[in-house]
Amino acid sequence: FQAEDGIRDQPRSRGLGDVYKRQNMPALMNENIRQLLILQDRDMKFTRLEDELESLDPERESAKRDSLKRQEVYDNAKQHLVKLEVRRKDLDNDVETKKEQINKYAQQQLETRKNEEYTALGRVIDHVKEAISKIEDEELELLEEIDAYKPKIEEAKGIAEEAKAHEIATLSDFDEREKNIEKELESLEDERDSLIEKLDAKLVRHYEKLLETKSGNVVVGVDKGNCGGCHMKLQAQTLVDTKSGRDMVTCTNCGRLLYYTREMIMPDELAD
């Protein structure tokens, strides 16, 4: 790729100074490289924002799952308490049933004239009373279990409510972040279109093809005679051409676009 003759002095767009500073660009540099580095910076930011946007849905689902899990714990605790209460009610009914049996057997005792039958009914009544005593002991233990379980339910309820409030706040934050990201992406798209208009179409195609096939930066610096992308040693003429800044130079190994700044070390400078 050939640059236009001479270096054009174009006014910097908003924010370009920060990019120049980050890339350690000297005052004199191939203008295409300048614009490509800015474009690359915007594209990298665009990709990061897209990744962040894509991560929002899984994070939303995670917040929902956590809230649902806490609610399930609370629901299960309530169901368990209901079962305990039902069991206590069943025991109450058993006691009442057995008391009715005692009354029935006692009435039969009053009506019988046989000593043996009276004694037998007395034994039956004693057995029923023993059964009632056991039921009442079980019921007492059950009441103690219910009393001890109620605070746990209140705790589970509080945790579920906190988790739900956190879910609502988190989802609201994610919705707001999503809107902001979409605005940033739209702004970056407009800026990208503006940058591309300043560049040669053939150069842009080469740059975008590199983006499709290479990971990381595709416009890279030269350090110690090596390509900043693939880290392979560059040919002497490639180094000279890159340092001159007159033409667009590519790495013969990986095809990345190369640039040089004064802060970068060339092989012939290592001994200095």
Protein backbone atom coordinates (compact mmCIF):
# COMPACT_ATOMS: atom_id res chain seq x y z
CA PHE A 1 0.00 0.00 0.00
CA GLN A 2 1.40 3.38 -0.99
CA ALA A 3 0.77 6.47 1.12
CA GLU A 4 0.09 9.81 -0.45
CA ASP A 5 3.15 11.98 -1.09
CA GLY A 6 4.01 13.94 2.01
CA ILE A 7 2.32 13.97 5.39
CA ARG A 8 -1.01 15.71 5.54
CA ASP A 9 -1.58 17.98 8.51
CA GLN A 10 -5.18 17.21 9.37
CA PRO A 11 -6.97 18.49 12.47
CA ARG A 12 -7.32 15.83 15.12
CA SER A 13 -10.81 14.67 15.91
CA ARG A 14 -12.03 14.56 19.46
CA GLY A 15 -10.18 11.99 21.58
CA LEU A 16 -7.36 11.31 19.11
CA GLY A 17 -4.71 12.76 21.41
CA ASP A 18 -5.33 10.02 23.93
CA VAL A 19 -4.94 7.37 21.24
CA TYR A 20 -1.67 8.91 20.02
CA LYS A 21 -0.38 8.96 23.57
CA ARG A 22 -1.33 5.34 24.22
CA GLN A 23 0.29 4.21 20.96
CA ASN A 24 3.40 6.36 21.58
CA MET A 25 3.00 7.92 18.13
CA PRO A 26 5.61 10.44 17.06
CA ALA A 27 4.69 13.69 15.39
CA LEU A 28 5.66 12.29 11.99
CA MET A 29 3.88 9.10 10.96
CA ASN A 30 2.18 7.72 7.92
CA GLU A 31 -1.29 9.27 8.10
CA ASN A 32 -2.93 6.00 7.10
CA ILE A 33 -1.28 4.33 10.08
CA ARG A 34 -2.51 7.11 12.34
CA GLN A 35 -6.07 6.61 11.20
CA LEU A 36 -5.81 2.81 11.30
CA LEU A 37 -4.56 2.87 14.88
CA ILE A 38 -7.50 5.03 15.84
CA LEU A 39 -9.85 2.75 13.94
CA GLN A 40 -8.32 -0.30 15.62
CA ASP A 41 -8.75 1.31 19.03
CA ARG A 42 -12.43 1.92 18.31
CA ASP A 43 -12.92 -1.59 16.92
CA MET A 44 -11.33 -3.13 20.01
CA LYS A 45 -13.60 -1.07 22.22
CA PHE A 46 -16.58 -2.04 20.06
CA THR A 47 -15.72 -5.73 20.52
CA ARG A 48 -15.35 -5.35 24.28
CA LEU A 49 -18.72 -3.63 24.51
CA GLU A 50 -20.36 -6.32 22.38
CA ASP A 51 -18.91 -9.00 24.66
CA GLU A 52 -20.18 -7.14 27.71
CA LEU A 53 -23.60 -6.76 26.11
CA GLU A 54 -23.68 -10.48 25.35
CA SER A 55 -22.76 -11.30 28.96
CA LEU A 56 -25.72 -9.37 30.37
CA ASP A 57 -28.33 -12.05 29.65
CA PRO A 58 -26.41 -14.85 31.47
CA GLU A 59 -25.88 -12.46 34.39
CA ARG A 60 -29.58 -11.67 34.40
CA GLU A 61 -30.42 -15.37 34.48
CA SER A 62 -27.92 -15.88 37.31
CA ALA A 63 -29.59 -13.17 39.40
CA LYS A 64 -33.00 -14.70 38.69
CA ARG A 65 -31.81 -18.20 39.59
CA ASP A 66 -30.38 -17.00 42.90
CA SER A 67 -33.63 -15.25 43.80
CA LEU A 68 -35.67 -18.28 42.74
CA LYS A 69 -33.45 -20.57 44.79
CA ARG A 70 -33.96 -18.46 47.93
CA GLN A 71 -37.70 -18.35 47.30
CA GLU A 72 -37.79 -22.15 46.91
CA VAL A 73 -36.02 -22.56 50.26
CA TYR A 74 -38.66 -20.33 51.87
CA ASP A 75 -41.53 -22.15 50.11
CA ASN A 76 -40.16 -25.54 51.17
CA ALA A 77 -39.87 -24.31 54.75
CA LYS A 78 -43.50 -23.17 54.72
CA GLN A 79 -44.60 -26.50 53.28
CA HIS A 80 -42.70 -28.35 55.97
CA LEU A 81 -44.41 -26.27 58.65
CA VAL A 82 -47.78 -27.05 57.09
CA LYS A 83 -46.96 -30.76 57.28
CA LEU A 84 -46.04 -30.40 60.95
CA GLU A 85 -49.29 -28.58 61.66
CA VAL A 86 -51.28 -31.23 59.79
CA ARG A 87 -49.52 -33.93 61.79
CA ARG A 88 -50.34 -32.10 65.05
CA LYS A 89 -53.97 -31.82 64.00
CA ASP A 90 -54.07 -35.54 63.20
CA LEU A 91 -52.71 -36.31 66.68
CA ASP A 92 -55.39 -34.08 68.23
CA ASN A 93 -58.03 -35.99 66.30
CA ASP A 94 -56.55 -39.31 67.42
CA VAL A 95 -56.73 -38.20 71.04
CA GLU A 96 -60.35 -37.09 70.65
CA THR A 97 -61.26 -40.38 68.96
CA LYS A 98 -59.66 -42.40 71.74
CA LYS A 99 -61.39 -40.29 74.41
CA GLU A 100 -64.67 -41.12 72.75
CA GLN A 101 -63.71 -44.79 72.90
CA ILE A 102 -63.01 -44.45 76.63
CA ASN A 103 -66.41 -42.88 77.17
CA LYS A 104 -68.00 -45.70 75.19
CA TYR A 105 -66.19 -48.41 77.18
CA ALA A 106 -66.97 -46.62 80.46
CA GLN A 107 -70.68 -46.57 79.53
CA GLN A 108 -70.51 -50.29 78.78
CA GLN A 109 -68.97 -50.86 82.20
CA LEU A 110 -71.93 -49.12 83.81
CA GLU A 111 -74.34 -51.26 81.86
CA THR A 112 -72.70 -54.65 82.40
CA ARG A 113 -73.54 -56.91 85.33
CA LYS A 114 -70.68 -59.31 84.74
CA ASN A 115 -67.50 -58.83 86.73
CA GLU A 116 -65.32 -60.41 84.04
CA GLU A 117 -66.72 -58.15 81.34
CA TYR A 118 -66.36 -55.14 83.62
CA THR A 119 -62.71 -56.01 84.31
CA ALA A 120 -61.99 -56.62 80.64
CA LEU A 121 -63.46 -53.26 79.70
CA GLY A 122 -61.32 -51.67 82.39
CA ARG A 123 -58.19 -53.14 80.85
CA VAL A 124 -59.24 -51.87 77.43
CA ILE A 125 -59.78 -48.42 78.89
CA ASP A 126 -56.29 -48.51 80.46
CA HIS A 127 -54.73 -49.47 77.10
CA VAL A 128 -56.52 -46.62 75.39
CA LYS A 129 -55.35 -44.20 78.08
CA GLU A 130 -51.78 -45.40 77.58
CA ALA A 131 -52.16 -44.81 73.85
CA ILE A 132 -53.47 -41.31 74.51
CA SER A 133 -50.50 -40.61 76.78
CA LYS A 134 -48.08 -41.65 74.04
CA ILE A 135 -49.90 -39.53 71.48
CA GLU A 136 -49.82 -36.53 73.80
CA ASP A 137 -46.08 -37.02 74.35
CA GLU A 138 -45.58 -37.13 70.59
CA GLU A 139 -47.76 -34.06 70.19
CA LEU A 140 -45.75 -32.19 72.82
CA GLU A 141 -42.52 -33.00 70.96
CA LEU A 142 -44.17 -31.89 67.74
CA LEU A 143 -45.23 -28.57 69.26
CA GLU A 144 -41.67 -27.98 70.43
CA GLU A 145 -40.42 -28.75 66.91
CA ILE A 146 -42.96 -26.31 65.44
CA ASP A 147 -41.93 -23.56 67.85
CA ALA A 148 -38.25 -24.12 67.04
CA TYR A 149 -38.95 -24.18 63.28
CA LYS A 150 -40.89 -20.91 63.06
CA PRO A 151 -37.78 -18.66 63.45
CA LYS A 152 -36.14 -20.58 60.62
CA ILE A 153 -39.09 -19.78 58.41
CA GLU A 154 -38.82 -16.09 59.26
CA GLU A 155 -35.11 -16.21 58.44
CA ALA A 156 -35.79 -17.93 55.12
CA LYS A 157 -38.48 -15.35 54.37
CA GLY A 158 -36.07 -12.47 55.04
CA ILE A 159 -33.39 -14.03 52.82
CA ALA A 160 -35.92 -14.58 50.02
CA GLU A 161 -37.12 -10.99 50.23
CA GLU A 162 -33.54 -9.67 50.16
CA ALA A 163 -32.74 -11.88 47.16
CA LYS A 164 -35.83 -10.64 45.33
CA ALA A 165 -34.94 -7.02 46.04
CA HIS A 166 -31.39 -7.68 44.85
CA GLU A 167 -32.77 -9.31 41.68
CA ILE A 168 -34.95 -6.30 40.92
CA ALA A 169 -32.11 -3.83 41.53
CA THR A 170 -29.65 -5.95 39.52
CA LEU A 171 -31.98 -6.32 36.55
CA SER A 172 -32.62 -2.59 36.61
CA ASP A 173 -28.86 -1.94 36.59
CA PHE A 174 -28.41 -4.38 33.70
CA ASP A 175 -31.21 -2.72 31.73
CA GLU A 176 -29.59 0.68 32.23
CA ARG A 177 -26.17 -0.69 31.30
CA GLU A 178 -27.62 -2.30 28.19
CA LYS A 179 -29.07 1.03 27.06
CA ASN A 180 -25.75 2.79 27.66
CA ILE A 181 -23.79 0.10 25.79
CA GLU A 182 -26.15 0.28 22.83
CA LYS A 183 -25.67 4.07 22.72
CA GLU A 184 -21.89 3.65 22.87
CA LEU A 185 -21.98 1.06 20.10
CA GLU A 186 -24.06 3.34 17.94
CA SER A 187 -21.63 6.20 18.55
CA LEU A 188 -18.66 3.95 17.72
CA GLU A 189 -20.32 2.80 14.51
CA ASP A 190 -20.76 6.42 13.42
CA GLU A 191 -17.15 7.21 14.32
CA ARG A 192 -15.95 4.12 12.48
CA ASP A 193 -17.80 5.15 9.32
CA SER A 194 -16.18 8.56 9.54
CA LEU A 195 -12.71 7.06 9.95
CA ILE A 196 -13.16 4.63 7.07
CA GLU A 197 -14.10 7.49 4.74
CA LYS A 198 -10.60 8.90 5.24
CA LEU A 199 -8.86 5.63 4.32
CA ASP A 200 -8.15 3.92 1.03
CA ALA A 201 -10.77 1.23 0.34
CA LYS A 202 -8.11 -1.36 -0.51
CA LEU A 203 -6.37 -0.69 2.79
CA VAL A 204 -9.63 -1.01 4.71
CA ARG A 205 -10.36 -4.35 3.05
CA HIS A 206 -6.92 -5.61 4.03
CA TYR A 207 -7.40 -4.39 7.59
CA GLU A 208 -10.85 -5.99 7.93
CA LYS A 209 -9.60 -9.26 6.45
CA LEU A 210 -6.90 -9.30 9.11
CA LEU A 211 -9.53 -8.75 11.78
CA GLU A 212 -11.36 -11.84 10.55
CA THR A 213 -8.28 -14.08 10.62
CA LYS A 214 -6.10 -12.72 13.42
CA SER A 215 -6.63 -12.40 17.13
CA GLY A 216 -5.66 -9.25 18.99
CA ASN A 217 -4.28 -6.17 17.24
CA VAL A 218 -3.67 -6.28 13.50
CA VAL A 219 -1.86 -2.93 13.31
CA VAL A 220 1.24 -3.56 15.41
CA GLY A 221 4.53 -1.94 16.26
CA VAL A 222 8.07 -3.17 15.67
CA ASP A 223 10.29 -3.96 18.62
CA LYS A 224 13.85 -5.31 18.46
CA GLY A 225 13.35 -6.16 14.81
CA ASN A 226 10.33 -8.38 15.45
CA CYS A 227 6.70 -8.09 14.43
CA GLY A 228 4.55 -7.00 17.36
CA GLY A 229 1.87 -9.48 16.32
CA CYS A 230 3.51 -12.78 15.43
CA HIS A 231 6.86 -11.86 17.08
CA MET A 232 8.80 -13.20 14.10
CA LYS A 233 12.01 -11.49 12.98
CA LEU A 234 11.47 -8.99 10.18
CA GLN A 235 13.64 -8.57 7.10
CA ALA A 236 16.07 -5.64 7.06
CA GLN A 237 14.28 -3.86 4.20
CA THR A 238 10.94 -4.26 5.98
CA LEU A 239 12.45 -2.58 9.04
CA VAL A 240 13.83 0.27 6.96
CA ASP A 241 10.52 0.80 5.19
CA THR A 242 8.61 0.68 8.48
CA LYS A 243 10.93 3.17 10.15
CA SER A 244 10.71 5.58 7.22
CA GLY A 245 6.95 5.80 7.62
CA ARG A 246 6.49 6.67 3.94
CA ASP A 247 4.70 3.51 2.87
CA MET A 248 2.27 1.04 4.40
CA VAL A 249 4.30 -2.03 5.36
CA THR A 250 3.07 -5.52 6.20
CA CYS A 251 4.73 -8.39 8.03
CA THR A 252 5.79 -11.00 5.47
CA ASN A 253 4.98 -13.75 7.98
CA CYS A 254 1.52 -12.84 9.33
CA GLY A 255 0.39 -9.99 7.08
CA ARG A 256 -0.23 -7.57 9.94
CA LEU A 257 0.27 -3.88 9.24
CA LEU A 258 3.44 -2.49 10.83
CA TYR A 259 4.35 0.87 12.31
CA TYR A 260 7.35 2.33 14.12
CA THR A 261 7.70 4.95 16.82
CA ARG A 262 10.79 6.55 18.32
CA GLU A 263 10.28 4.62 21.56
CA MET A 264 10.63 1.28 19.76
CA ILE A 265 14.05 -0.36 19.62
CA MET A 266 15.50 -1.39 16.25
CA PRO A 267 18.21 -4.09 15.96
CA ASP A 268 20.90 -1.62 14.96
CA GLU A 269 20.13 0.44 18.06
CA LEU A 270 20.57 -2.39 20.61
CA ALA A 271 24.34 -1.93 20.80
CA ASP A 272 24.04 1.83 21.39
